[in-house]
Amino acid sequence: MDVKTNLDKVLFIKAITPVHAGAGQGIDHIDLPIQREQPTRFPIIYASGVKGAFRQKALELAYEELSQLNYDECKSFSLSQLDEAVERAKPCEKNTETPRVENGREVIEEDKCKKHEEVKAIINTLAKIFGSQDCKGSITFSDAKILFFPVRSLRGVFAYATCPMLLKRYAEDTQNEELLEYLEENKDNLTPSDGEVIAPDNLVVENENGDKIVVLEEFELRKMDLPDGLIKKLHLPEELEKQISERVAIVSDDLFRYFVENFTEVVTRIKVDPETGTVKSGALWTEEYLPAESVLYSLLFNTKEVETDDYLTTEAVITLGGNQTVGKGIVKVFSREV
């Protein structure tokens, strides 16, 4: 794949409710941890989970169209069964016998053939976009990487924390040459120490000595000025840009790693025995979540072999990760063309 040619969009994923993209069984005090990058320990959502969320949204759109065609089995297949779904669609068998009467009108066999072809076209389009057992899909998703992580702030309620390492990686991943040049030119002003933070004035408080500081979680950090134009050069969607510009807090790489390792949301859950009304023996566990307001980005590559706009919704509210039936994993997706 020619990455440079096929990079189509940058997808921004903002958590509306906490997100649990699980990494399986935990080995620490958290039974069900979230997915993380191995070397950095930064939160991540694997590409398979990102693709699955968009694929499910596409299926929902396809179900609506198939229902309008009265395709009886429109909700009995998944994308892994597309070939079988086409075969199960009513066969096209023309004959010249007297037309049948359905709902008060004569129906000739050509109607039946047309309906079958429409069903087949919808299912085949999904297969070409997302792939099936017999064909490779035309789109590819990257892992969703963290860009901004919410942390408590003494002023302004919370801040969107990020770090120089993330900003540079984001610029490289999204092929944003303008941002890369800007980061290099302003390197000295964009490299805070462990005791400093680059933030806007609306996060600032004064300590007893009259010094301007920003308090994030339990850390008092000396405030550095936010360089002009930085947020604009991130090329964020308009709604997201406004939110980030008011609350951004650029901290050191080490402090950011501390934040994402220690300030995720950890929930203790139980299973109650319906007969006794008490916790079942051994039915107590902890789950880790990426907090609401977290912002991640994923790259969408598209070979342009098939039109995707009808089924690939990149501006929507979708669900991602586990525990969706208890309100988790609701995210808002923004997109920007490259």
C-alpha atoms as a PDB file:
ATOM      1  CA  MET A   1       0.000   0.000   0.000  1.00  0.00           C
ATOM      2  CA  ASP A   2       1.248   3.455  -0.920  1.00  0.00           C
ATOM      3  CA  VAL A   3       0.642   5.169   2.413  1.00  0.00           C
ATOM      4  CA  LYS A   4       1.263   8.660   1.056  1.00  0.00           C
ATOM      5  CA  THR A   5      -1.226   8.202  -1.780  1.00  0.00           C
ATOM      6  CA  ASN A   6      -3.940   6.322   0.086  1.00  0.00           C
ATOM      7  CA  LEU A   7      -4.189   8.361   3.297  1.00  0.00           C
ATOM      8  CA  ASP A   8      -7.707   9.717   2.907  1.00  0.00           C
ATOM      9  CA  LYS A   9      -8.868  11.125   6.246  1.00  0.00           C
ATOM     10  CA  VAL A  10      -7.825  11.750   9.812  1.00  0.00           C
ATOM     11  CA  LEU A  11     -10.531  10.566  12.207  1.00  0.00           C
ATOM     12  CA  PHE A  12     -10.798  12.259  15.594  1.00  0.00           C
ATOM     13  CA  ILE A  13     -12.548  10.213  18.271  1.00  0.00           C
ATOM     14  CA  LYS A  14     -13.804  12.060  21.346  1.00  0.00           C
ATOM     15  CA  ALA A  15     -15.151  10.002  24.246  1.00  0.00           C
ATOM     16  CA  ILE A  16     -18.602  11.123  25.391  1.00  0.00           C
ATOM     17  CA  THR A  17     -18.755   8.351  27.990  1.00  0.00           C
ATOM     18  CA  PRO A  18     -15.846   6.271  29.360  1.00  0.00           C
ATOM     19  CA  VAL A  19     -14.451   3.768  26.839  1.00  0.00           C
ATOM     20  CA  HIS A  20     -13.281   0.237  27.630  1.00  0.00           C
ATOM     21  CA  ALA A  21     -11.204  -1.185  24.797  1.00  0.00           C
ATOM     22  CA  GLY A  22     -10.087  -4.219  26.738  1.00  0.00           C
ATOM     23  CA  ALA A  23      -6.660  -5.833  26.721  1.00  0.00           C
ATOM     24  CA  GLY A  24      -7.866  -9.088  28.263  1.00  0.00           C
ATOM     25  CA  GLN A  25      -6.941 -10.430  31.664  1.00  0.00           C
ATOM     26  CA  GLY A  26      -4.890  -8.093  33.834  1.00  0.00           C
ATOM     27  CA  ILE A  27      -1.771  -8.961  35.800  1.00  0.00           C
ATOM     28  CA  ASP A  28      -1.855  -6.004  38.192  1.00  0.00           C
ATOM     29  CA  HIS A  29      -4.539  -4.698  40.558  1.00  0.00           C
ATOM     30  CA  ILE A  30      -6.888  -4.077  37.599  1.00  0.00           C
ATOM     31  CA  ASP A  31      -8.649  -7.226  36.427  1.00  0.00           C
ATOM     32  CA  LEU A  32      -9.720  -5.870  33.025  1.00  0.00           C
ATOM     33  CA  PRO A  33      -7.267  -3.188  31.829  1.00  0.00           C
ATOM     34  CA  ILE A  34      -7.487  -1.070  28.689  1.00  0.00           C
ATOM     35  CA  GLN A  35      -5.256  -1.487  25.650  1.00  0.00           C
ATOM     36  CA  ARG A  36      -1.905   0.293  25.827  1.00  0.00           C
ATOM     37  CA  GLU A  37       1.180   0.708  23.679  1.00  0.00           C
ATOM     38  CA  GLN A  38       3.859  -1.616  24.978  1.00  0.00           C
ATOM     39  CA  PRO A  39       6.880   0.771  25.002  1.00  0.00           C
ATOM     40  CA  THR A  40       5.144   4.002  26.084  1.00  0.00           C
ATOM     41  CA  ARG A  41       2.188   2.671  28.108  1.00  0.00           C
ATOM     42  CA  PHE A  42       0.020   5.287  26.385  1.00  0.00           C
ATOM     43  CA  PRO A  43      -3.636   4.265  25.880  1.00  0.00           C
ATOM     44  CA  ILE A  44      -4.533   3.004  22.429  1.00  0.00           C
ATOM     45  CA  ILE A  45      -7.481   1.358  20.685  1.00  0.00           C
ATOM     46  CA  TYR A  46      -6.449  -1.353  18.260  1.00  0.00           C
ATOM     47  CA  ALA A  47      -7.418  -0.899  14.624  1.00  0.00           C
ATOM     48  CA  SER A  48      -9.616  -4.004  14.718  1.00  0.00           C
ATOM     49  CA  GLY A  49     -11.859  -2.346  17.304  1.00  0.00           C
ATOM     50  CA  VAL A  50     -12.007   0.924  15.381  1.00  0.00           C
ATOM     51  CA  LYS A  51     -12.891  -0.846  12.144  1.00  0.00           C
ATOM     52  CA  GLY A  52     -15.484  -2.969  13.919  1.00  0.00           C
ATOM     53  CA  ALA A  53     -17.281   0.108  15.242  1.00  0.00           C
ATOM     54  CA  PHE A  54     -17.488   1.721  11.799  1.00  0.00           C
ATOM     55  CA  ARG A  55     -18.456  -1.589  10.221  1.00  0.00           C
ATOM     56  CA  GLN A  56     -21.332  -1.981  12.675  1.00  0.00           C
ATOM     57  CA  LYS A  57     -22.548   1.519  11.816  1.00  0.00           C
ATOM     58  CA  ALA A  58     -22.390   0.621   8.122  1.00  0.00           C
ATOM     59  CA  LEU A  59     -24.425  -2.521   8.765  1.00  0.00           C
ATOM     60  CA  GLU A  60     -27.110  -0.482  10.501  1.00  0.00           C
ATOM     61  CA  LEU A  61     -27.373   1.779   7.450  1.00  0.00           C
ATOM     62  CA  ALA A  62     -27.507  -1.247   5.156  1.00  0.00           C
ATOM     63  CA  TYR A  63     -30.193  -2.912   7.293  1.00  0.00           C
ATOM     64  CA  GLU A  64     -32.441   0.100   6.738  1.00  0.00           C
ATOM     65  CA  GLU A  65     -32.079  -0.164   2.959  1.00  0.00           C
ATOM     66  CA  LEU A  66     -32.580  -3.922   2.947  1.00  0.00           C
ATOM     67  CA  SER A  67     -35.680  -3.587   5.114  1.00  0.00           C
ATOM     68  CA  GLN A  68     -37.178  -1.218   2.553  1.00  0.00           C
ATOM     69  CA  LEU A  69     -36.620  -3.926  -0.055  1.00  0.00           C
ATOM     70  CA  ASN A  70     -38.417  -6.415   2.221  1.00  0.00           C
ATOM     71  CA  TYR A  71     -35.331  -8.627   2.340  1.00  0.00           C
ATOM     72  CA  ASP A  72     -36.523 -11.067   4.995  1.00  0.00           C
ATOM     73  CA  GLU A  73     -33.050 -11.980   6.224  1.00  0.00           C
ATOM     74  CA  CYS A  74     -31.670  -8.436   6.373  1.00  0.00           C
ATOM     75  CA  LYS A  75     -30.709  -8.766  10.024  1.00  0.00           C
ATOM     76  CA  SER A  76     -29.532 -12.341   9.989  1.00  0.00           C
ATOM     77  CA  PHE A  77     -26.045 -11.807   8.573  1.00  0.00           C
ATOM     78  CA  SER A  78     -22.810 -10.150   9.552  1.00  0.00           C
ATOM     79  CA  LEU A  79     -20.040  -8.857   7.327  1.00  0.00           C
ATOM     80  CA  SER A  80     -18.152 -12.111   7.811  1.00  0.00           C
ATOM     81  CA  GLN A  81     -21.088 -13.860   6.099  1.00  0.00           C
ATOM     82  CA  LEU A  82     -21.641 -11.556   3.129  1.00  0.00           C
ATOM     83  CA  ASP A  83     -21.175 -14.230   0.505  1.00  0.00           C
ATOM     84  CA  GLU A  84     -23.744 -16.462   2.201  1.00  0.00           C
ATOM     85  CA  ALA A  85     -26.094 -13.496   2.526  1.00  0.00           C
ATOM     86  CA  VAL A  86     -26.058 -12.929  -1.227  1.00  0.00           C
ATOM     87  CA  GLU A  87     -26.797 -16.596  -1.834  1.00  0.00           C
ATOM     88  CA  ARG A  88     -29.719 -16.476   0.605  1.00  0.00           C
ATOM     89  CA  ALA A  89     -31.280 -13.543  -1.221  1.00  0.00           C
ATOM     90  CA  LYS A  90     -34.308 -14.684  -3.204  1.00  0.00           C
ATOM     91  CA  PRO A  91     -33.115 -16.090  -6.561  1.00  0.00           C
ATOM     92  CA  CYS A  92     -33.841 -14.353  -9.819  1.00  0.00           C
ATOM     93  CA  GLU A  93     -35.917 -16.740 -11.912  1.00  0.00           C
ATOM     94  CA  LYS A  94     -37.737 -15.247 -14.849  1.00  0.00           C
ATOM     95  CA  ASN A  95     -40.797 -16.946 -16.336  1.00  0.00           C
ATOM     96  CA  THR A  96     -43.525 -15.954 -18.761  1.00  0.00           C
ATOM     97  CA  GLU A  97     -46.491 -17.246 -16.775  1.00  0.00           C
ATOM     98  CA  THR A  98     -49.440 -15.084 -15.733  1.00  0.00           C
ATOM     99  CA  PRO A  99     -48.281 -12.284 -13.385  1.00  0.00           C
ATOM    100  CA  ARG A 100     -48.896 -12.776  -9.675  1.00  0.00           C
ATOM    101  CA  VAL A 101     -51.001 -10.337  -7.651  1.00  0.00           C
ATOM    102  CA  GLU A 102     -49.379  -8.831  -4.523  1.00  0.00           C
ATOM    103  CA  ASN A 103     -51.061  -6.117  -2.426  1.00  0.00           C
ATOM    104  CA  GLY A 104     -53.594  -5.414  -5.130  1.00  0.00           C
ATOM    105  CA  ARG A 105     -51.143  -5.039  -8.022  1.00  0.00           C
ATOM    106  CA  GLU A 106     -49.739  -7.345 -10.657  1.00  0.00           C
ATOM    107  CA  VAL A 107     -46.123  -8.305 -10.113  1.00  0.00           C
ATOM    108  CA  ILE A 108     -44.083  -9.579 -13.027  1.00  0.00           C
ATOM    109  CA  GLU A 109     -40.955 -11.624 -12.507  1.00  0.00           C
ATOM    110  CA  GLU A 110     -38.720  -8.734 -13.641  1.00  0.00           C
ATOM    111  CA  ASP A 111     -39.649  -6.963 -10.363  1.00  0.00           C
ATOM    112  CA  LYS A 112     -38.363  -9.972  -8.480  1.00  0.00           C
ATOM    113  CA  CYS A 113     -35.114  -9.940 -10.449  1.00  0.00           C
ATOM    114  CA  LYS A 114     -34.632  -6.209  -9.894  1.00  0.00           C
ATOM    115  CA  LYS A 115     -35.176  -6.614  -6.160  1.00  0.00           C
ATOM    116  CA  HIS A 116     -32.625  -9.418  -6.001  1.00  0.00           C
ATOM    117  CA  GLU A 117     -30.056  -7.340  -7.884  1.00  0.00           C
ATOM    118  CA  GLU A 118     -30.576  -4.377  -5.536  1.00  0.00           C
ATOM    119  CA  VAL A 119     -30.076  -6.589  -2.483  1.00  0.00           C
ATOM    120  CA  LYS A 120     -27.002  -8.097  -4.062  1.00  0.00           C
ATOM    121  CA  ALA A 121     -25.576  -4.652  -4.897  1.00  0.00           C
ATOM    122  CA  ILE A 122     -25.924  -3.417  -1.300  1.00  0.00           C
ATOM    123  CA  ILE A 123     -24.260  -6.486   0.177  1.00  0.00           C
ATOM    124  CA  ASN A 124     -21.487  -6.519  -2.424  1.00  0.00           C
ATOM    125  CA  THR A 125     -20.744  -2.838  -1.776  1.00  0.00           C
ATOM    126  CA  LEU A 126     -20.288  -3.581   1.931  1.00  0.00           C
ATOM    127  CA  ALA A 127     -17.988  -6.473   1.052  1.00  0.00           C
ATOM    128  CA  LYS A 128     -15.858  -4.268  -1.199  1.00  0.00           C
ATOM    129  CA  ILE A 129     -15.564  -1.567   1.477  1.00  0.00           C
ATOM    130  CA  PHE A 130     -14.886  -3.684   4.562  1.00  0.00           C
ATOM    131  CA  GLY A 131     -13.789  -6.973   3.025  1.00  0.00           C
ATOM    132  CA  SER A 132     -15.223 -10.480   3.167  1.00  0.00           C
ATOM    133  CA  GLN A 133     -13.924 -14.033   3.052  1.00  0.00           C
ATOM    134  CA  ASP A 134     -13.342 -13.760  -0.689  1.00  0.00           C
ATOM    135  CA  CYS A 135     -12.159 -10.182  -1.164  1.00  0.00           C
ATOM    136  CA  LYS A 136      -9.997  -7.571   0.511  1.00  0.00           C
ATOM    137  CA  GLY A 137     -11.663  -4.357   1.652  1.00  0.00           C
ATOM    138  CA  SER A 138     -10.835  -1.008   0.069  1.00  0.00           C
ATOM    139  CA  ILE A 139     -10.312   0.809   3.385  1.00  0.00           C
ATOM    140  CA  THR A 140      -7.785   0.414   6.180  1.00  0.00           C
ATOM    141  CA  PHE A 141      -7.867   1.885   9.680  1.00  0.00           C
ATOM    142  CA  SER A 142      -4.858   2.554  11.887  1.00  0.00           C
ATOM    143  CA  ASP A 143      -4.817   2.112  15.645  1.00  0.00           C
ATOM    144  CA  ALA A 144      -6.491   5.019  17.457  1.00  0.00           C
ATOM    145  CA  LYS A 145      -3.759   6.846  19.388  1.00  0.00           C
ATOM    146  CA  ILE A 146      -4.258   9.221  22.296  1.00  0.00           C
ATOM    147  CA  LEU A 147      -3.809  12.920  21.507  1.00  0.00           C
ATOM    148  CA  PHE A 148      -5.426  14.679  24.479  1.00  0.00           C
ATOM    149  CA  PHE A 149      -6.066  13.144  27.901  1.00  0.00           C
ATOM    150  CA  PRO A 150      -8.405  14.870  30.413  1.00  0.00           C
ATOM    151  CA  VAL A 151      -6.983  15.667  33.852  1.00  0.00           C
ATOM    152  CA  ARG A 152      -8.498  17.614  36.745  1.00  0.00           C
ATOM    153  CA  SER A 153      -7.600  21.290  36.966  1.00  0.00           C
ATOM    154  CA  LEU A 154      -7.963  23.578  39.975  1.00  0.00           C
ATOM    155  CA  ARG A 155      -9.306  26.206  37.604  1.00  0.00           C
ATOM    156  CA  GLY A 156     -11.459  25.429  34.600  1.00  0.00           C
ATOM    157  CA  VAL A 157     -12.591  22.031  35.974  1.00  0.00           C
ATOM    158  CA  PHE A 158     -10.335  19.985  33.688  1.00  0.00           C
ATOM    159  CA  ALA A 159      -7.614  20.347  31.074  1.00  0.00           C
ATOM    160  CA  TYR A 160      -6.733  18.481  27.889  1.00  0.00           C
ATOM    161  CA  ALA A 161      -3.215  17.229  28.628  1.00  0.00           C
ATOM    162  CA  THR A 162      -0.775  16.376  25.863  1.00  0.00           C
ATOM    163  CA  CYS A 163       3.013  16.381  25.473  1.00  0.00           C
ATOM    164  CA  PRO A 164       5.735  17.218  22.907  1.00  0.00           C
ATOM    165  CA  MET A 165       6.192  13.579  21.949  1.00  0.00           C
ATOM    166  CA  LEU A 166       2.509  13.198  21.082  1.00  0.00           C
ATOM    167  CA  LEU A 167       2.379  16.435  19.093  1.00  0.00           C
ATOM    168  CA  LYS A 168       5.369  15.432  16.983  1.00  0.00           C
ATOM    169  CA  ARG A 169       4.032  11.929  16.412  1.00  0.00           C
ATOM    170  CA  TYR A 170       0.632  13.318  15.444  1.00  0.00           C
ATOM    171  CA  ALA A 171       2.291  15.647  12.905  1.00  0.00           C
ATOM    172  CA  GLU A 172       4.267  12.754  11.417  1.00  0.00           C
ATOM    173  CA  ASP A 173       1.316  10.356  11.309  1.00  0.00           C
ATOM    174  CA  THR A 174      -0.991  12.884   9.632  1.00  0.00           C
ATOM    175  CA  GLN A 175       1.730  14.089   7.242  1.00  0.00           C
ATOM    176  CA  ASN A 176       1.318  17.644   8.526  1.00  0.00           C
ATOM    177  CA  GLU A 177       4.553  19.244   7.308  1.00  0.00           C
ATOM    178  CA  GLU A 178       3.465  22.698   8.456  1.00  0.00           C
ATOM    179  CA  LEU A 179       3.082  21.487  12.039  1.00  0.00           C
ATOM    180  CA  LEU A 180       6.380  19.604  11.945  1.00  0.00           C
ATOM    181  CA  GLU A 181       8.226  22.752  10.882  1.00  0.00           C
ATOM    182  CA  TYR A 182       6.437  24.804  13.533  1.00  0.00           C
ATOM    183  CA  LEU A 183       7.332  22.340  16.292  1.00  0.00           C
ATOM    184  CA  GLU A 184      10.978  22.366  15.237  1.00  0.00           C
ATOM    185  CA  GLU A 185      11.149  26.169  15.034  1.00  0.00           C
ATOM    186  CA  ASN A 186       9.518  26.562  18.467  1.00  0.00           C
ATOM    187  CA  LYS A 187      11.191  23.578  20.111  1.00  0.00           C
ATOM    188  CA  ASP A 188      12.578  25.602  23.036  1.00  0.00           C
ATOM    189  CA  ASN A 189       9.144  27.067  23.807  1.00  0.00           C
ATOM    190  CA  LEU A 190       7.368  23.727  23.471  1.00  0.00           C
ATOM    191  CA  THR A 191       9.517  21.549  25.732  1.00  0.00           C
ATOM    192  CA  PRO A 192       8.333  22.010  29.321  1.00  0.00           C
ATOM    193  CA  SER A 193      10.222  20.471  32.221  1.00  0.00           C
ATOM    194  CA  ASP A 194       8.503  18.184  34.735  1.00  0.00           C
ATOM    195  CA  GLY A 195       7.572  21.264  36.797  1.00  0.00           C
ATOM    196  CA  GLU A 196       6.197  23.348  33.925  1.00  0.00           C
ATOM    197  CA  VAL A 197       3.115  23.446  31.733  1.00  0.00           C
ATOM    198  CA  ILE A 198       2.240  25.319  28.553  1.00  0.00           C
ATOM    199  CA  ALA A 199      -1.352  26.456  28.950  1.00  0.00           C
ATOM    200  CA  PRO A 200      -3.800  29.316  28.263  1.00  0.00           C
ATOM    201  CA  ASP A 201      -4.534  31.931  30.923  1.00  0.00           C
ATOM    202  CA  ASN A 202      -7.963  30.541  31.798  1.00  0.00           C
ATOM    203  CA  LEU A 203      -6.315  27.576  33.585  1.00  0.00           C
ATOM    204  CA  VAL A 204      -4.049  29.814  35.674  1.00  0.00           C
ATOM    205  CA  VAL A 205      -4.240  30.534  39.412  1.00  0.00           C
ATOM    206  CA  GLU A 206      -1.831  32.444  41.651  1.00  0.00           C
ATOM    207  CA  ASN A 207      -0.013  30.848  44.570  1.00  0.00           C
ATOM    208  CA  GLU A 208       0.792  32.538  47.892  1.00  0.00           C
ATOM    209  CA  ASN A 209       3.854  34.172  46.314  1.00  0.00           C
ATOM    210  CA  GLY A 210       1.847  35.661  43.483  1.00  0.00           C
ATOM    211  CA  ASP A 211       3.352  33.303  40.901  1.00  0.00           C
ATOM    212  CA  LYS A 212       1.180  32.105  38.026  1.00  0.00           C
ATOM    213  CA  ILE A 213       0.690  28.363  38.239  1.00  0.00           C
ATOM    214  CA  VAL A 214      -1.567  25.667  36.828  1.00  0.00           C
ATOM    215  CA  VAL A 215      -2.682  22.894  39.193  1.00  0.00           C
ATOM    216  CA  LEU A 216      -3.301  19.578  37.421  1.00  0.00           C
ATOM    217  CA  GLU A 217      -4.310  16.706  39.684  1.00  0.00           C
ATOM    218  CA  GLU A 218      -1.881  17.076  42.653  1.00  0.00           C
ATOM    219  CA  PHE A 219       0.817  18.866  40.649  1.00  0.00           C
ATOM    220  CA  GLU A 220       1.556  22.599  40.880  1.00  0.00           C
ATOM    221  CA  LEU A 221       3.163  23.564  37.579  1.00  0.00           C
ATOM    222  CA  ARG A 222       4.755  26.843  36.564  1.00  0.00           C
ATOM    223  CA  LYS A 223       2.837  28.358  33.692  1.00  0.00           C
ATOM    224  CA  MET A 224       4.548  28.908  30.330  1.00  0.00           C
ATOM    225  CA  ASP A 225       2.932  30.894  27.526  1.00  0.00           C
ATOM    226  CA  LEU A 226       1.155  29.020  24.762  1.00  0.00           C
ATOM    227  CA  PRO A 227       2.848  29.931  21.440  1.00  0.00           C
ATOM    228  CA  ASP A 228       0.635  31.760  18.967  1.00  0.00           C
ATOM    229  CA  GLY A 229      -0.820  29.646  16.200  1.00  0.00           C
ATOM    230  CA  LEU A 230      -0.070  26.206  17.620  1.00  0.00           C
ATOM    231  CA  ILE A 231      -3.669  25.019  17.924  1.00  0.00           C
ATOM    232  CA  LYS A 232      -4.509  26.250  14.413  1.00  0.00           C
ATOM    233  CA  LYS A 233      -1.646  24.243  12.951  1.00  0.00           C
ATOM    234  CA  LEU A 234      -3.056  21.027  14.416  1.00  0.00           C
ATOM    235  CA  HIS A 235      -5.793  21.277  11.766  1.00  0.00           C
ATOM    236  CA  LEU A 236      -8.487  20.051  14.128  1.00  0.00           C
ATOM    237  CA  PRO A 237     -12.184  20.121  13.210  1.00  0.00           C
ATOM    238  CA  GLU A 238     -13.716  23.476  14.167  1.00  0.00           C
ATOM    239  CA  GLU A 239     -15.777  22.258  17.132  1.00  0.00           C
ATOM    240  CA  LEU A 240     -12.854  20.336  18.572  1.00  0.00           C
ATOM    241  CA  GLU A 241     -10.387  23.166  17.966  1.00  0.00           C
ATOM    242  CA  LYS A 242     -12.432  25.572  20.088  1.00  0.00           C
ATOM    243  CA  GLN A 243     -12.672  23.123  22.985  1.00  0.00           C
ATOM    244  CA  ILE A 244      -8.971  22.274  22.916  1.00  0.00           C
ATOM    245  CA  SER A 245      -7.783  25.873  22.623  1.00  0.00           C
ATOM    246  CA  GLU A 246      -9.535  26.800  25.878  1.00  0.00           C
ATOM    247  CA  ARG A 247      -8.176  23.880  27.933  1.00  0.00           C
ATOM    248  CA  VAL A 248      -4.951  22.571  26.383  1.00  0.00           C
ATOM    249  CA  ALA A 249      -2.110  21.788  28.789  1.00  0.00           C
ATOM    250  CA  ILE A 250       1.217  20.693  27.301  1.00  0.00           C
ATOM    251  CA  VAL A 251       3.260  18.893  29.955  1.00  0.00           C
ATOM    252  CA  SER A 252       6.525  16.952  29.806  1.00  0.00           C
ATOM    253  CA  ASP A 253       6.535  13.499  28.226  1.00  0.00           C
ATOM    254  CA  ASP A 254       7.255  11.858  31.581  1.00  0.00           C
ATOM    255  CA  LEU A 255       4.462  13.683  33.392  1.00  0.00           C
ATOM    256  CA  PHE A 256       2.009  12.834  30.635  1.00  0.00           C
ATOM    257  CA  ARG A 257       2.880   9.153  30.968  1.00  0.00           C
ATOM    258  CA  TYR A 258       2.274   9.432  34.717  1.00  0.00           C
ATOM    259  CA  PHE A 259      -1.153  10.944  34.051  1.00  0.00           C
ATOM    260  CA  VAL A 260      -2.283   8.209  31.643  1.00  0.00           C
ATOM    261  CA  GLU A 261      -0.985   5.437  33.902  1.00  0.00           C
ATOM    262  CA  ASN A 262      -2.547   6.724  37.118  1.00  0.00           C
ATOM    263  CA  PHE A 263      -5.642   8.757  36.245  1.00  0.00           C
ATOM    264  CA  THR A 264      -7.708   6.515  34.030  1.00  0.00           C
ATOM    265  CA  GLU A 265     -11.133   5.585  35.396  1.00  0.00           C
ATOM    266  CA  VAL A 266     -11.208   2.343  37.399  1.00  0.00           C
ATOM    267  CA  VAL A 267     -14.605   0.902  38.292  1.00  0.00           C
ATOM    268  CA  THR A 268     -15.326  -1.941  40.705  1.00  0.00           C
ATOM    269  CA  ARG A 269     -18.233  -4.125  39.604  1.00  0.00           C
ATOM    270  CA  ILE A 270     -20.128  -6.940  41.264  1.00  0.00           C
ATOM    271  CA  LYS A 271     -22.672  -9.585  40.357  1.00  0.00           C
ATOM    272  CA  VAL A 272     -25.619  -9.898  42.719  1.00  0.00           C
ATOM    273  CA  ASP A 273     -27.263 -13.233  43.472  1.00  0.00           C
ATOM    274  CA  PRO A 274     -30.979 -12.596  42.706  1.00  0.00           C
ATOM    275  CA  GLU A 275     -32.078 -15.077  45.361  1.00  0.00           C
ATOM    276  CA  THR A 276     -30.071 -13.702  48.279  1.00  0.00           C
ATOM    277  CA  GLY A 277     -29.603 -10.098  47.156  1.00  0.00           C
ATOM    278  CA  THR A 278     -25.909 -10.316  48.033  1.00  0.00           C
ATOM    279  CA  VAL A 279     -22.739 -10.456  45.981  1.00  0.00           C
ATOM    280  CA  LYS A 280     -22.071 -13.857  44.452  1.00  0.00           C
ATOM    281  CA  SER A 281     -18.931 -15.545  45.673  1.00  0.00           C
ATOM    282  CA  GLY A 282     -15.970 -14.425  43.561  1.00  0.00           C
ATOM    283  CA  ALA A 283     -18.135 -12.069  41.485  1.00  0.00           C
ATOM    284  CA  LEU A 284     -16.201  -8.885  42.171  1.00  0.00           C
ATOM    285  CA  TRP A 285     -13.817  -7.379  39.641  1.00  0.00           C
ATOM    286  CA  THR A 286     -12.319  -4.077  38.470  1.00  0.00           C
ATOM    287  CA  GLU A 287     -12.491  -2.557  34.993  1.00  0.00           C
ATOM    288  CA  GLU A 288     -10.376   0.235  33.536  1.00  0.00           C
ATOM    289  CA  TYR A 289     -11.784   2.923  31.254  1.00  0.00           C
ATOM    290  CA  LEU A 290     -10.399   5.706  29.141  1.00  0.00           C
ATOM    291  CA  PRO A 291     -12.126   8.756  30.689  1.00  0.00           C
ATOM    292  CA  ALA A 292     -14.854  10.786  29.020  1.00  0.00           C
ATOM    293  CA  GLU A 293     -13.376  13.774  27.121  1.00  0.00           C
ATOM    294  CA  SER A 294     -10.371  11.745  25.937  1.00  0.00           C
ATOM    295  CA  VAL A 295      -9.448  12.572  22.331  1.00  0.00           C
ATOM    296  CA  LEU A 296      -7.788  10.035  20.028  1.00  0.00           C
ATOM    297  CA  TYR A 297      -7.020   9.991  16.324  1.00  0.00           C
ATOM    298  CA  SER A 298      -6.999   7.239  13.721  1.00  0.00           C
ATOM    299  CA  LEU A 299      -5.905   7.292  10.088  1.00  0.00           C
ATOM    300  CA  LEU A 300      -8.215   6.113   7.313  1.00  0.00           C
ATOM    301  CA  PHE A 301      -6.590   4.793   4.143  1.00  0.00           C
ATOM    302  CA  ASN A 302      -8.752   4.323   1.050  1.00  0.00           C
ATOM    303  CA  THR A 303      -7.796   2.787  -2.288  1.00  0.00           C
ATOM    304  CA  LYS A 304     -10.777   4.601  -3.879  1.00  0.00           C
ATOM    305  CA  GLU A 305     -11.806   1.399  -5.640  1.00  0.00           C
ATOM    306  CA  VAL A 306     -15.397   1.791  -4.484  1.00  0.00           C
ATOM    307  CA  GLU A 307     -17.551   4.710  -3.333  1.00  0.00           C
ATOM    308  CA  THR A 308     -17.703   4.629   0.472  1.00  0.00           C
ATOM    309  CA  ASP A 309     -19.710   7.723   1.402  1.00  0.00           C
ATOM    310  CA  ASP A 310     -23.064   5.914   1.629  1.00  0.00           C
ATOM    311  CA  TYR A 311     -21.888   3.475   4.294  1.00  0.00           C
ATOM    312  CA  LEU A 312     -18.741   4.912   5.875  1.00  0.00           C
ATOM    313  CA  THR A 313     -20.034   7.491   8.335  1.00  0.00           C
ATOM    314  CA  THR A 314     -17.103   9.584   9.561  1.00  0.00           C
ATOM    315  CA  GLU A 315     -19.155  12.353  11.200  1.00  0.00           C
ATOM    316  CA  ALA A 316     -21.368  10.626  13.724  1.00  0.00           C
ATOM    317  CA  VAL A 317     -21.921   9.335  17.229  1.00  0.00           C
ATOM    318  CA  ILE A 318     -21.000   5.652  17.394  1.00  0.00           C
ATOM    319  CA  THR A 319     -20.213   3.062  20.060  1.00  0.00           C
ATOM    320  CA  LEU A 320     -16.735   1.691  20.599  1.00  0.00           C
ATOM    321  CA  GLY A 321     -15.373  -0.929  22.972  1.00  0.00           C
ATOM    322  CA  GLY A 322     -17.114  -3.007  25.626  1.00  0.00           C
ATOM    323  CA  ASN A 323     -20.004  -2.605  28.087  1.00  0.00           C
ATOM    324  CA  GLN A 324     -22.114  -0.645  25.622  1.00  0.00           C
ATOM    325  CA  THR A 325     -25.366  -1.830  27.228  1.00  0.00           C
ATOM    326  CA  VAL A 326     -24.480   0.070  30.404  1.00  0.00           C
ATOM    327  CA  GLY A 327     -23.781   3.311  28.569  1.00  0.00           C
ATOM    328  CA  LYS A 328     -20.059   2.939  27.997  1.00  0.00           C
ATOM    329  CA  GLY A 329     -18.180   3.504  24.763  1.00  0.00           C
ATOM    330  CA  ILE A 330     -20.252   6.327  23.280  1.00  0.00           C
ATOM    331  CA  VAL A 331     -17.933   8.474  21.164  1.00  0.00           C
ATOM    332  CA  LYS A 332     -18.280  11.353  18.732  1.00  0.00           C
ATOM    333  CA  VAL A 333     -16.317  11.094  15.516  1.00  0.00           C
ATOM    334  CA  PHE A 334     -14.999  14.061  13.558  1.00  0.00           C
ATOM    335  CA  SER A 335     -13.023  13.798  10.338  1.00  0.00           C
ATOM    336  CA  ARG A 336     -10.639  15.863   8.258  1.00  0.00           C
ATOM    337  CA  GLU A 337      -9.594  15.086   4.712  1.00  0.00           C
ATOM    338  CA  VAL A 338      -5.874  14.970   4.033  1.00  0.00           C
END
